[in-house]
Amino acid sequence: MIPMTITQATILMALLSALARAGLNVIDRHQIGINNISIRTINFWNNVIPGIILTAASIATVGSEFLVALFDWRPMLFAALAQGVAYAFSYGFRNLNVNQVTVAAKFSDLGIPLGLFLTTGDWSWHSYWFSVATTLVCIPILWVGNAARAGSILVVGMVLCVALVAQASLSPLLTGTLDDYDSGKFLAFTTAVIVWRALWSLAPAFHLARSRDFWHTRLLASPAFILRCILTIATQVSFVAVMTSPASAVAWPILNSTGLLAMLISASVLKDQQPANERIIVALIFVLSVFRFSSQ
């Protein structure tokens, strides 16, 4: 087996996380956009069911380590940051289309390396130019009939950038590095994060609990929801792994390209139309990722 550098391993883990998150976005499009199921209901159950599964696995394998992690403030804050980003994207999707939100979020790639430098002292010009390049190739999307919405794009972009830069900058302080973790501690931390995300998502969903649809077992038993839970676990595990890497700065341009990957998958699975320029942008980001992977 060919050994990989930390940066290369981080890039591969970020690609896994981005693909899993893109799959979640496509399922959201199917369940929320096509089947008209409440996004709050789906998000709540999507946090609860994986939380139950991983909690059972953690109790069975690491026991007390999970309880320690569950009542530790770091997984709690890590989950709050993740949930804050989710709410920021929800705000974005209420005001802009998917393409605009994707590009608005990409601008955070320019600030994330600076934020990480302030909190960790780590800096890589290779990673920063990778961030700049993957952002620049996305800009043409904004010029496709969007001039009249420049103000909304700016506001949403600022909200997303603040949320994403805060998450990226503070996460390494909350997770430590891979050297601090064995597999048991990693599982305990990841499970605690998912449990706390379920708790953070409880408040917005609480008033829906009186709705019959909120407790509809058909949603929980549907193949799409089961696949969603699997992808959620894959996303969370790979994301925490990326955040524990000293080279996490290189991962964010890939993670923030999830929307473009989702559009590509959606075009294949749901037969949505995807303009040629979006396919070209995805291809360019992939080429840039391969180039960055090979530069180590």
C-alpha atoms as a PDB file:
ATOM      1  CA  MET A   1       0.000   0.000   0.000  1.00  0.00           C
ATOM      2  CA  ILE A   2       1.386   3.411  -1.039  1.00  0.00           C
ATOM      3  CA  PRO A   3       1.781   5.677   2.017  1.00  0.00           C
ATOM      4  CA  MET A   4      -0.035   9.017   1.934  1.00  0.00           C
ATOM      5  CA  THR A   5       0.837  12.319   3.502  1.00  0.00           C
ATOM      6  CA  ILE A   6      -1.504  13.929   6.022  1.00  0.00           C
ATOM      7  CA  THR A   7      -2.621  16.418   3.370  1.00  0.00           C
ATOM      8  CA  GLN A   8      -3.436  13.664   0.869  1.00  0.00           C
ATOM      9  CA  ALA A   9      -5.391  11.684   3.465  1.00  0.00           C
ATOM     10  CA  THR A  10      -7.284  14.861   4.388  1.00  0.00           C
ATOM     11  CA  ILE A  11      -8.179  15.523   0.738  1.00  0.00           C
ATOM     12  CA  LEU A  12      -9.530  11.980   0.311  1.00  0.00           C
ATOM     13  CA  MET A  13     -11.549  12.201   3.539  1.00  0.00           C
ATOM     14  CA  ALA A  14     -12.932  15.582   2.443  1.00  0.00           C
ATOM     15  CA  LEU A  15     -13.983  14.068  -0.903  1.00  0.00           C
ATOM     16  CA  LEU A  16     -15.771  11.260   0.956  1.00  0.00           C
ATOM     17  CA  SER A  17     -17.522  13.778   3.200  1.00  0.00           C
ATOM     18  CA  ALA A  18     -18.491  15.991   0.256  1.00  0.00           C
ATOM     19  CA  LEU A  19     -19.904  13.042  -1.718  1.00  0.00           C
ATOM     20  CA  ALA A  20     -21.905  11.839   1.294  1.00  0.00           C
ATOM     21  CA  ARG A  21     -23.229  15.360   1.915  1.00  0.00           C
ATOM     22  CA  ALA A  22     -24.073  15.711  -1.779  1.00  0.00           C
ATOM     23  CA  GLY A  23     -26.085  12.500  -1.508  1.00  0.00           C
ATOM     24  CA  LEU A  24     -27.939  14.009   1.456  1.00  0.00           C
ATOM     25  CA  ASN A  25     -28.715  17.113  -0.594  1.00  0.00           C
ATOM     26  CA  VAL A  26     -30.185  14.998  -3.393  1.00  0.00           C
ATOM     27  CA  ILE A  27     -32.366  13.089  -0.913  1.00  0.00           C
ATOM     28  CA  ASP A  28     -33.463  16.455   0.531  1.00  0.00           C
ATOM     29  CA  ARG A  29     -34.441  17.531  -2.966  1.00  0.00           C
ATOM     30  CA  HIS A  30     -36.482  14.323  -3.337  1.00  0.00           C
ATOM     31  CA  GLN A  31     -38.149  14.352   0.107  1.00  0.00           C
ATOM     32  CA  ILE A  32     -38.596  18.097   0.635  1.00  0.00           C
ATOM     33  CA  GLY A  33     -38.875  19.483  -2.879  1.00  0.00           C
ATOM     34  CA  ILE A  34     -40.780  16.645  -4.536  1.00  0.00           C
ATOM     35  CA  ASN A  35     -42.654  14.911  -1.681  1.00  0.00           C
ATOM     36  CA  ASN A  36     -43.227  18.178   0.251  1.00  0.00           C
ATOM     37  CA  ILE A  37     -42.122  16.803   3.637  1.00  0.00           C
ATOM     38  CA  SER A  38     -41.236  19.387   6.317  1.00  0.00           C
ATOM     39  CA  ILE A  39     -37.503  20.134   6.387  1.00  0.00           C
ATOM     40  CA  ARG A  40     -37.612  20.497  10.191  1.00  0.00           C
ATOM     41  CA  THR A  41     -39.205  17.073  10.569  1.00  0.00           C
ATOM     42  CA  ILE A  42     -36.602  15.457   8.319  1.00  0.00           C
ATOM     43  CA  ASN A  43     -33.660  17.225   9.971  1.00  0.00           C
ATOM     44  CA  PHE A  44     -34.857  16.284  13.452  1.00  0.00           C
ATOM     45  CA  TRP A  45     -35.313  12.579  12.702  1.00  0.00           C
ATOM     46  CA  ASN A  46     -32.155  12.567  10.618  1.00  0.00           C
ATOM     47  CA  ASN A  47     -30.188  13.615  13.693  1.00  0.00           C
ATOM     48  CA  VAL A  48     -32.076  11.393  16.152  1.00  0.00           C
ATOM     49  CA  ILE A  49     -31.903   8.023  14.365  1.00  0.00           C
ATOM     50  CA  PRO A  50     -28.135   8.127  13.593  1.00  0.00           C
ATOM     51  CA  GLY A  51     -27.630   9.397  17.148  1.00  0.00           C
ATOM     52  CA  ILE A  52     -29.434   6.351  18.547  1.00  0.00           C
ATOM     53  CA  ILE A  53     -27.455   3.981  16.304  1.00  0.00           C
ATOM     54  CA  LEU A  54     -24.071   5.465  17.200  1.00  0.00           C
ATOM     55  CA  THR A  55     -25.005   5.761  20.884  1.00  0.00           C
ATOM     56  CA  ALA A  56     -25.747   2.033  21.003  1.00  0.00           C
ATOM     57  CA  ALA A  57     -22.440   1.316  19.233  1.00  0.00           C
ATOM     58  CA  SER A  58     -20.525   3.627  21.583  1.00  0.00           C
ATOM     59  CA  ILE A  59     -22.049   2.187  24.758  1.00  0.00           C
ATOM     60  CA  ALA A  60     -21.317  -1.336  23.537  1.00  0.00           C
ATOM     61  CA  THR A  61     -17.697  -0.597  22.605  1.00  0.00           C
ATOM     62  CA  VAL A  62     -16.341   2.335  24.615  1.00  0.00           C
ATOM     63  CA  GLY A  63     -18.894   2.731  27.419  1.00  0.00           C
ATOM     64  CA  SER A  64     -17.696   5.326  29.884  1.00  0.00           C
ATOM     65  CA  GLU A  65     -15.664   7.238  27.279  1.00  0.00           C
ATOM     66  CA  PHE A  66     -18.900   8.095  25.502  1.00  0.00           C
ATOM     67  CA  LEU A  67     -20.490   9.417  28.699  1.00  0.00           C
ATOM     68  CA  VAL A  68     -17.424  11.570  29.334  1.00  0.00           C
ATOM     69  CA  ALA A  69     -17.602  12.965  25.786  1.00  0.00           C
ATOM     70  CA  LEU A  70     -21.361  13.518  25.987  1.00  0.00           C
ATOM     71  CA  PHE A  71     -21.026  15.864  28.966  1.00  0.00           C
ATOM     72  CA  ASP A  72     -17.881  17.557  27.655  1.00  0.00           C
ATOM     73  CA  TRP A  73     -18.429  21.142  26.476  1.00  0.00           C
ATOM     74  CA  ARG A  74     -16.306  20.629  23.341  1.00  0.00           C
ATOM     75  CA  PRO A  75     -18.612  18.210  21.456  1.00  0.00           C
ATOM     76  CA  MET A  76     -21.509  20.393  22.601  1.00  0.00           C
ATOM     77  CA  LEU A  77     -19.985  23.534  21.051  1.00  0.00           C
ATOM     78  CA  PHE A  78     -18.793  21.618  17.972  1.00  0.00           C
ATOM     79  CA  ALA A  79     -22.383  20.476  17.387  1.00  0.00           C
ATOM     80  CA  ALA A  80     -23.705  24.006  17.964  1.00  0.00           C
ATOM     81  CA  LEU A  81     -21.323  25.367  15.314  1.00  0.00           C
ATOM     82  CA  ALA A  82     -22.428  22.669  12.860  1.00  0.00           C
ATOM     83  CA  GLN A  83     -26.086  23.387  13.560  1.00  0.00           C
ATOM     84  CA  GLY A  84     -25.430  27.107  13.144  1.00  0.00           C
ATOM     85  CA  VAL A  85     -24.001  26.439   9.688  1.00  0.00           C
ATOM     86  CA  ALA A  86     -27.087  24.350   8.861  1.00  0.00           C
ATOM     87  CA  TYR A  87     -29.348  27.256   9.866  1.00  0.00           C
ATOM     88  CA  ALA A  88     -27.204  29.670   7.814  1.00  0.00           C
ATOM     89  CA  PHE A  89     -27.702  27.486   4.743  1.00  0.00           C
ATOM     90  CA  SER A  90     -31.435  27.282   5.459  1.00  0.00           C
ATOM     91  CA  TYR A  91     -31.502  31.094   5.471  1.00  0.00           C
ATOM     92  CA  GLY A  92     -29.604  31.085   2.195  1.00  0.00           C
ATOM     93  CA  PHE A  93     -31.982  28.652   0.499  1.00  0.00           C
ATOM     94  CA  ARG A  94     -34.960  30.789   1.544  1.00  0.00           C
ATOM     95  CA  ASN A  95     -33.516  33.771  -0.308  1.00  0.00           C
ATOM     96  CA  LEU A  96     -31.451  32.377  -3.193  1.00  0.00           C
ATOM     97  CA  ASN A  97     -31.377  29.388  -5.506  1.00  0.00           C
ATOM     98  CA  VAL A  98     -29.039  26.429  -5.014  1.00  0.00           C
ATOM     99  CA  ASN A  99     -26.400  27.728  -7.438  1.00  0.00           C
ATOM    100  CA  GLN A 100     -26.232  31.140  -5.781  1.00  0.00           C
ATOM    101  CA  VAL A 101     -25.986  29.654  -2.283  1.00  0.00           C
ATOM    102  CA  THR A 102     -23.223  27.299  -3.415  1.00  0.00           C
ATOM    103  CA  VAL A 103     -21.106  30.112  -4.835  1.00  0.00           C
ATOM    104  CA  ALA A 104     -21.861  32.434  -1.906  1.00  0.00           C
ATOM    105  CA  ALA A 105     -20.587  29.719   0.450  1.00  0.00           C
ATOM    106  CA  LYS A 106     -17.461  29.223  -1.674  1.00  0.00           C
ATOM    107  CA  PHE A 107     -16.298  32.744  -0.814  1.00  0.00           C
ATOM    108  CA  SER A 108     -15.727  31.544   2.755  1.00  0.00           C
ATOM    109  CA  ASP A 109     -12.787  29.543   1.361  1.00  0.00           C
ATOM    110  CA  LEU A 110     -10.876  32.812   1.124  1.00  0.00           C
ATOM    111  CA  GLY A 111     -11.322  33.533   4.842  1.00  0.00           C
ATOM    112  CA  ILE A 112     -11.058  30.045   6.316  1.00  0.00           C
ATOM    113  CA  PRO A 113      -7.258  29.672   5.917  1.00  0.00           C
ATOM    114  CA  LEU A 114      -6.814  33.058   7.614  1.00  0.00           C
ATOM    115  CA  GLY A 115      -9.112  32.030  10.471  1.00  0.00           C
ATOM    116  CA  LEU A 116      -7.233  28.759  10.905  1.00  0.00           C
ATOM    117  CA  PHE A 117      -3.946  30.653  10.968  1.00  0.00           C
ATOM    118  CA  LEU A 118      -5.242  32.863  13.781  1.00  0.00           C
ATOM    119  CA  THR A 119      -6.443  29.923  15.905  1.00  0.00           C
ATOM    120  CA  THR A 120      -3.812  27.272  15.132  1.00  0.00           C
ATOM    121  CA  GLY A 121      -0.825  29.089  13.639  1.00  0.00           C
ATOM    122  CA  ASP A 122      -0.834  26.738  10.625  1.00  0.00           C
ATOM    123  CA  TRP A 123      -0.414  28.206   7.144  1.00  0.00           C
ATOM    124  CA  SER A 124       0.136  26.746   3.679  1.00  0.00           C
ATOM    125  CA  TRP A 125       0.375  28.864   0.551  1.00  0.00           C
ATOM    126  CA  HIS A 126      -0.367  25.767  -1.543  1.00  0.00           C
ATOM    127  CA  SER A 127      -3.661  25.296   0.302  1.00  0.00           C
ATOM    128  CA  TYR A 128      -4.518  28.988   0.092  1.00  0.00           C
ATOM    129  CA  TRP A 129      -4.006  29.191  -3.667  1.00  0.00           C
ATOM    130  CA  PHE A 130      -6.073  26.007  -3.966  1.00  0.00           C
ATOM    131  CA  SER A 131      -8.857  27.836  -2.085  1.00  0.00           C
ATOM    132  CA  VAL A 132      -8.553  30.880  -4.349  1.00  0.00           C
ATOM    133  CA  ALA A 133      -8.563  28.809  -7.550  1.00  0.00           C
ATOM    134  CA  THR A 134     -11.615  26.711  -6.605  1.00  0.00           C
ATOM    135  CA  THR A 135     -13.489  29.902  -5.686  1.00  0.00           C
ATOM    136  CA  LEU A 136     -12.644  31.756  -8.885  1.00  0.00           C
ATOM    137  CA  VAL A 137     -13.868  28.940 -11.143  1.00  0.00           C
ATOM    138  CA  CYS A 138     -17.316  29.162  -9.477  1.00  0.00           C
ATOM    139  CA  ILE A 139     -17.833  32.896 -10.003  1.00  0.00           C
ATOM    140  CA  PRO A 140     -19.341  32.617 -13.546  1.00  0.00           C
ATOM    141  CA  ILE A 141     -22.473  31.050 -12.011  1.00  0.00           C
ATOM    142  CA  LEU A 142     -23.311  34.428 -10.431  1.00  0.00           C
ATOM    143  CA  TRP A 143     -23.420  36.158 -13.804  1.00  0.00           C
ATOM    144  CA  VAL A 144     -26.211  33.995 -15.235  1.00  0.00           C
ATOM    145  CA  GLY A 145     -29.216  36.308 -14.828  1.00  0.00           C
ATOM    146  CA  ASN A 146     -28.362  37.220 -11.240  1.00  0.00           C
ATOM    147  CA  ALA A 147     -27.335  40.887 -11.529  1.00  0.00           C
ATOM    148  CA  ALA A 148     -30.627  42.064  -9.994  1.00  0.00           C
ATOM    149  CA  ARG A 149     -30.043  39.901  -6.916  1.00  0.00           C
ATOM    150  CA  ALA A 150     -26.563  41.187  -6.103  1.00  0.00           C
ATOM    151  CA  GLY A 151     -27.739  42.641  -2.756  1.00  0.00           C
ATOM    152  CA  SER A 152     -29.312  39.374  -1.588  1.00  0.00           C
ATOM    153  CA  ILE A 153     -26.262  37.406  -2.701  1.00  0.00           C
ATOM    154  CA  LEU A 154     -24.009  39.755  -0.716  1.00  0.00           C
ATOM    155  CA  VAL A 155     -26.087  39.438   2.486  1.00  0.00           C
ATOM    156  CA  VAL A 156     -26.397  35.653   2.244  1.00  0.00           C
ATOM    157  CA  GLY A 157     -22.709  35.408   1.400  1.00  0.00           C
ATOM    158  CA  MET A 158     -21.789  37.353   4.536  1.00  0.00           C
ATOM    159  CA  VAL A 159     -24.012  35.160   6.742  1.00  0.00           C
ATOM    160  CA  LEU A 160     -22.573  31.958   5.270  1.00  0.00           C
ATOM    161  CA  CYS A 161     -18.998  33.219   5.428  1.00  0.00           C
ATOM    162  CA  VAL A 162     -19.276  34.178   9.106  1.00  0.00           C
ATOM    163  CA  ALA A 163     -20.830  30.809   9.998  1.00  0.00           C
ATOM    164  CA  LEU A 164     -18.362  28.726   7.968  1.00  0.00           C
ATOM    165  CA  VAL A 165     -15.240  30.659   8.981  1.00  0.00           C
ATOM    166  CA  ALA A 166     -16.255  30.416  12.654  1.00  0.00           C
ATOM    167  CA  GLN A 167     -16.842  26.669  12.336  1.00  0.00           C
ATOM    168  CA  ALA A 168     -13.596  26.031  10.460  1.00  0.00           C
ATOM    169  CA  SER A 169     -11.481  28.228  12.748  1.00  0.00           C
ATOM    170  CA  LEU A 170     -12.822  26.942  16.067  1.00  0.00           C
ATOM    171  CA  SER A 171     -13.247  23.249  15.215  1.00  0.00           C
ATOM    172  CA  PRO A 172      -9.520  22.350  15.533  1.00  0.00           C
ATOM    173  CA  LEU A 173      -9.521  23.877  19.024  1.00  0.00           C
ATOM    174  CA  LEU A 174     -12.476  21.655  19.966  1.00  0.00           C
ATOM    175  CA  THR A 175     -11.287  18.411  18.395  1.00  0.00           C
ATOM    176  CA  GLY A 176      -7.546  18.498  18.956  1.00  0.00           C
ATOM    177  CA  THR A 177      -5.560  16.424  16.451  1.00  0.00           C
ATOM    178  CA  LEU A 178      -5.578  12.793  15.411  1.00  0.00           C
ATOM    179  CA  ASP A 179      -2.597  12.219  17.696  1.00  0.00           C
ATOM    180  CA  ASP A 180      -4.899  12.910  20.661  1.00  0.00           C
ATOM    181  CA  TYR A 181      -7.412  10.215  19.646  1.00  0.00           C
ATOM    182  CA  ASP A 182      -7.624   6.474  19.615  1.00  0.00           C
ATOM    183  CA  SER A 183     -10.547   4.821  17.832  1.00  0.00           C
ATOM    184  CA  GLY A 184     -12.611   4.734  21.037  1.00  0.00           C
ATOM    185  CA  LYS A 185     -12.230   8.443  21.767  1.00  0.00           C
ATOM    186  CA  PHE A 186     -12.933   9.280  18.133  1.00  0.00           C
ATOM    187  CA  LEU A 187     -16.165   7.237  18.155  1.00  0.00           C
ATOM    188  CA  ALA A 188     -17.202   8.748  21.497  1.00  0.00           C
ATOM    189  CA  PHE A 189     -16.586  12.319  20.306  1.00  0.00           C
ATOM    190  CA  THR A 190     -18.377  11.790  16.979  1.00  0.00           C
ATOM    191  CA  THR A 191     -21.375  10.178  18.672  1.00  0.00           C
ATOM    192  CA  ALA A 192     -21.588  12.967  21.245  1.00  0.00           C
ATOM    193  CA  VAL A 193     -21.605  15.522  18.413  1.00  0.00           C
ATOM    194  CA  ILE A 194     -24.523  13.787  16.657  1.00  0.00           C
ATOM    195  CA  VAL A 195     -26.467  13.501  19.934  1.00  0.00           C
ATOM    196  CA  TRP A 196     -25.961  17.192  20.650  1.00  0.00           C
ATOM    197  CA  ARG A 197     -26.970  18.102  17.100  1.00  0.00           C
ATOM    198  CA  ALA A 198     -30.212  16.205  17.690  1.00  0.00           C
ATOM    199  CA  LEU A 199     -30.754  18.193  20.890  1.00  0.00           C
ATOM    200  CA  TRP A 200     -29.963  21.513  19.178  1.00  0.00           C
ATOM    201  CA  SER A 201     -32.429  20.685  16.391  1.00  0.00           C
ATOM    202  CA  LEU A 202     -35.142  19.748  18.904  1.00  0.00           C
ATOM    203  CA  ALA A 203     -36.194  23.332  19.695  1.00  0.00           C
ATOM    204  CA  PRO A 204     -37.166  24.363  16.125  1.00  0.00           C
ATOM    205  CA  ALA A 205     -38.957  21.028  15.641  1.00  0.00           C
ATOM    206  CA  PHE A 206     -40.676  20.928  19.026  1.00  0.00           C
ATOM    207  CA  HIS A 207     -43.877  22.646  17.931  1.00  0.00           C
ATOM    208  CA  LEU A 208     -44.192  20.089  15.116  1.00  0.00           C
ATOM    209  CA  ALA A 209     -44.390  17.205  17.600  1.00  0.00           C
ATOM    210  CA  ARG A 210     -48.167  17.631  17.838  1.00  0.00           C
ATOM    211  CA  SER A 211     -48.486  17.055  14.106  1.00  0.00           C
ATOM    212  CA  ARG A 212     -49.466  13.571  12.972  1.00  0.00           C
ATOM    213  CA  ASP A 213     -46.980  13.794  10.102  1.00  0.00           C
ATOM    214  CA  PHE A 214     -44.140  14.385  12.570  1.00  0.00           C
ATOM    215  CA  TRP A 215     -44.580  10.868  13.990  1.00  0.00           C
ATOM    216  CA  HIS A 216     -45.408   9.220  10.657  1.00  0.00           C
ATOM    217  CA  THR A 217     -43.551   5.881  10.638  1.00  0.00           C
ATOM    218  CA  ARG A 218     -43.756   5.691   6.848  1.00  0.00           C
ATOM    219  CA  LEU A 219     -41.075   8.393   6.680  1.00  0.00           C
ATOM    220  CA  LEU A 220     -38.787   6.497   9.065  1.00  0.00           C
ATOM    221  CA  ALA A 221     -39.236   3.208   7.187  1.00  0.00           C
ATOM    222  CA  SER A 222     -38.722   4.621   3.699  1.00  0.00           C
ATOM    223  CA  PRO A 223     -35.602   3.464   1.799  1.00  0.00           C
ATOM    224  CA  ALA A 224     -34.657   7.099   1.146  1.00  0.00           C
ATOM    225  CA  PHE A 225     -34.655   7.900   4.868  1.00  0.00           C
ATOM    226  CA  ILE A 226     -32.629   4.773   5.708  1.00  0.00           C
ATOM    227  CA  LEU A 227     -30.069   5.782   3.075  1.00  0.00           C
ATOM    228  CA  ARG A 228     -30.131   9.298   4.522  1.00  0.00           C
ATOM    229  CA  CYS A 229     -29.209   7.977   7.977  1.00  0.00           C
ATOM    230  CA  ILE A 230     -26.308   5.964   6.543  1.00  0.00           C
ATOM    231  CA  LEU A 231     -25.019   8.993   4.647  1.00  0.00           C
ATOM    232  CA  THR A 232     -25.420  11.168   7.756  1.00  0.00           C
ATOM    233  CA  ILE A 233     -23.191   8.832   9.760  1.00  0.00           C
ATOM    234  CA  ALA A 234     -20.629   8.726   6.921  1.00  0.00           C
ATOM    235  CA  THR A 235     -20.725  12.518   6.633  1.00  0.00           C
ATOM    236  CA  GLN A 236     -20.298  13.132  10.352  1.00  0.00           C
ATOM    237  CA  VAL A 237     -17.503  10.590  10.837  1.00  0.00           C
ATOM    238  CA  SER A 238     -15.530  11.833   7.817  1.00  0.00           C
ATOM    239  CA  PHE A 239     -16.118  15.491   8.750  1.00  0.00           C
ATOM    240  CA  VAL A 240     -14.812  15.028  12.300  1.00  0.00           C
ATOM    241  CA  ALA A 241     -11.813  13.161  10.856  1.00  0.00           C
ATOM    242  CA  VAL A 242     -11.104  16.117   8.562  1.00  0.00           C
ATOM    243  CA  MET A 243     -11.406  18.584  11.438  1.00  0.00           C
ATOM    244  CA  THR A 244      -8.865  16.627  13.499  1.00  0.00           C
ATOM    245  CA  SER A 245      -6.304  16.868  10.683  1.00  0.00           C
ATOM    246  CA  PRO A 246      -3.512  19.459  10.909  1.00  0.00           C
ATOM    247  CA  ALA A 247      -4.140  20.031   7.177  1.00  0.00           C
ATOM    248  CA  SER A 248      -7.856  20.814   7.552  1.00  0.00           C
ATOM    249  CA  ALA A 249      -7.481  24.069   5.567  1.00  0.00           C
ATOM    250  CA  VAL A 250      -7.075  22.083   2.351  1.00  0.00           C
ATOM    251  CA  ALA A 251     -10.396  20.299   2.935  1.00  0.00           C
ATOM    252  CA  TRP A 252     -12.732  23.300   2.960  1.00  0.00           C
ATOM    253  CA  PRO A 253     -12.647  24.130  -0.770  1.00  0.00           C
ATOM    254  CA  ILE A 254     -13.760  20.535  -1.380  1.00  0.00           C
ATOM    255  CA  LEU A 255     -16.366  20.528   1.404  1.00  0.00           C
ATOM    256  CA  ASN A 256     -17.806  23.817   0.134  1.00  0.00           C
ATOM    257  CA  SER A 257     -18.202  22.315  -3.348  1.00  0.00           C
ATOM    258  CA  THR A 258     -20.849  19.911  -2.057  1.00  0.00           C
ATOM    259  CA  GLY A 259     -23.665  21.853  -3.715  1.00  0.00           C
ATOM    260  CA  LEU A 260     -22.067  21.480  -7.139  1.00  0.00           C
ATOM    261  CA  LEU A 261     -21.562  17.746  -6.599  1.00  0.00           C
ATOM    262  CA  ALA A 262     -25.193  17.476  -5.498  1.00  0.00           C
ATOM    263  CA  MET A 263     -26.352  19.152  -8.705  1.00  0.00           C
ATOM    264  CA  LEU A 264     -24.288  16.686 -10.738  1.00  0.00           C
ATOM    265  CA  ILE A 265     -25.728  13.688  -8.862  1.00  0.00           C
ATOM    266  CA  SER A 266     -29.239  15.133  -9.048  1.00  0.00           C
ATOM    267  CA  ALA A 267     -28.943  15.434 -12.822  1.00  0.00           C
ATOM    268  CA  SER A 268     -28.177  11.701 -12.994  1.00  0.00           C
ATOM    269  CA  VAL A 269     -30.552  10.376 -10.317  1.00  0.00           C
ATOM    270  CA  LEU A 270     -33.520  12.766 -10.418  1.00  0.00           C
ATOM    271  CA  LYS A 271     -33.015  13.747 -14.067  1.00  0.00           C
ATOM    272  CA  ASP A 272     -32.742  17.431 -13.150  1.00  0.00           C
ATOM    273  CA  GLN A 273     -31.351  19.674 -15.857  1.00  0.00           C
ATOM    274  CA  GLN A 274     -27.798  20.875 -15.242  1.00  0.00           C
ATOM    275  CA  PRO A 275     -26.241  23.585 -17.424  1.00  0.00           C
ATOM    276  CA  ALA A 276     -22.988  22.712 -19.162  1.00  0.00           C
ATOM    277  CA  ASN A 277     -21.088  25.426 -17.258  1.00  0.00           C
ATOM    278  CA  GLU A 278     -21.856  23.705 -13.931  1.00  0.00           C
ATOM    279  CA  ARG A 279     -20.510  20.389 -15.204  1.00  0.00           C
ATOM    280  CA  ILE A 280     -17.383  22.181 -16.384  1.00  0.00           C
ATOM    281  CA  ILE A 281     -16.939  23.831 -12.964  1.00  0.00           C
ATOM    282  CA  VAL A 282     -17.248  20.469 -11.171  1.00  0.00           C
ATOM    283  CA  ALA A 283     -14.663  19.026 -13.568  1.00  0.00           C
ATOM    284  CA  LEU A 284     -12.302  21.961 -12.939  1.00  0.00           C
ATOM    285  CA  ILE A 285     -12.599  21.591  -9.153  1.00  0.00           C
ATOM    286  CA  PHE A 286     -11.879  17.868  -9.512  1.00  0.00           C
ATOM    287  CA  VAL A 287      -8.795  18.610 -11.644  1.00  0.00           C
ATOM    288  CA  LEU A 288      -7.595  21.213  -9.126  1.00  0.00           C
ATOM    289  CA  SER A 289      -8.121  18.691  -6.298  1.00  0.00           C
ATOM    290  CA  VAL A 290      -6.072  16.071  -8.154  1.00  0.00           C
ATOM    291  CA  PHE A 291      -3.354  18.651  -8.785  1.00  0.00           C
ATOM    292  CA  ARG A 292      -3.317  19.656  -5.108  1.00  0.00           C
ATOM    293  CA  PHE A 293      -3.253  15.964  -4.094  1.00  0.00           C
ATOM    294  CA  SER A 294      -0.277  15.333  -6.384  1.00  0.00           C
ATOM    295  CA  SER A 295       1.656  18.399  -5.244  1.00  0.00           C
ATOM    296  CA  GLN A 296       2.675  16.712  -1.979  1.00  0.00           C
END
